[in-house]
Amino acid sequence: MPLFIGEINKLKVKRETDISYILVEDNEPYEVFMHFNQATKRLNENEYVDVFLYYDNKHRLCATMEDPIITTKKYGFVSCVSQKENVGCFMNIGTAKDILLSKDVLPTNIKAWPKAGDKLPCILKVKKDSLVCKIISRDDLIVKNSSLKVNDTIQAYVTSFTSTGLLAVDEEYNVIYVHKSMIRKKYRIGEEIILTIININSKGEYNGSTITQKETMRLSDSEMLLNYLKEMG
């Protein structure tokens, strides 16, 4: 059977070296390197172990017993660790090896890139002899029933910009579109955004706003003026 990069594989410990375990799949010639610090316990020869396969900085196939947050088949929220100009952002997927979110899928303006601590819903993708992060799209999401209602206030994360606004995803993987008229500042990819649901269309798609509705703002202003008049007699 082939090895599945970016996924959990069951391999057998063939032997132990000074610094690592050498893992194999039954009746297959290839060997996989797993450094001792990537093992969560002491292993014995011929023992079977579940490991996550990835490529290291030299594009060599390696294994870890650490449990990744995301794989090539499972999406989840991962955090930005750092930026590298002309390369992209490195994301913490729950293993010692941070995975690149390429500049090719990020805005041209580096100021709009994720900063350390920002979160994004991602999935892994194998690209030649490397593993990269991909921001999930609507097509990646599993359709489910959502409990969001108009006037709900939620926490979400910016995932992309459009010519007319932005898209954000909350931790329940609801996608919310925000028109530019409902935005009062510039956001970056991965930045947390607090939204109020202002509309749900016939397809169940959400529209959100970062600002208080005009009616609410008017009410707040009138209350402030009335209180001031009362205080002044």
Foldseek 3Di string as FASTA:
>chain_A
DDDDAQDKDKWFFADADPFFTWTDHPPDDDIATEGPVQEPDDDDHRDIAIWHWFADPVLGIHTHNFDFQAGQQGKAKWWWAAADPPFATWTCRRGPDTAGDGCVQFDPDCVQGDHGGFMAIWHWDDDPSHIHTDGDDPVSDDDDDDPDDAFDKAKWFWAAADPFFTWTAGRVGAIETEGPVQDDDDHHGRDIAIWGFHDQDPVRHTYTHRDDDPVVVVVVVVVVVVVVVVVVD
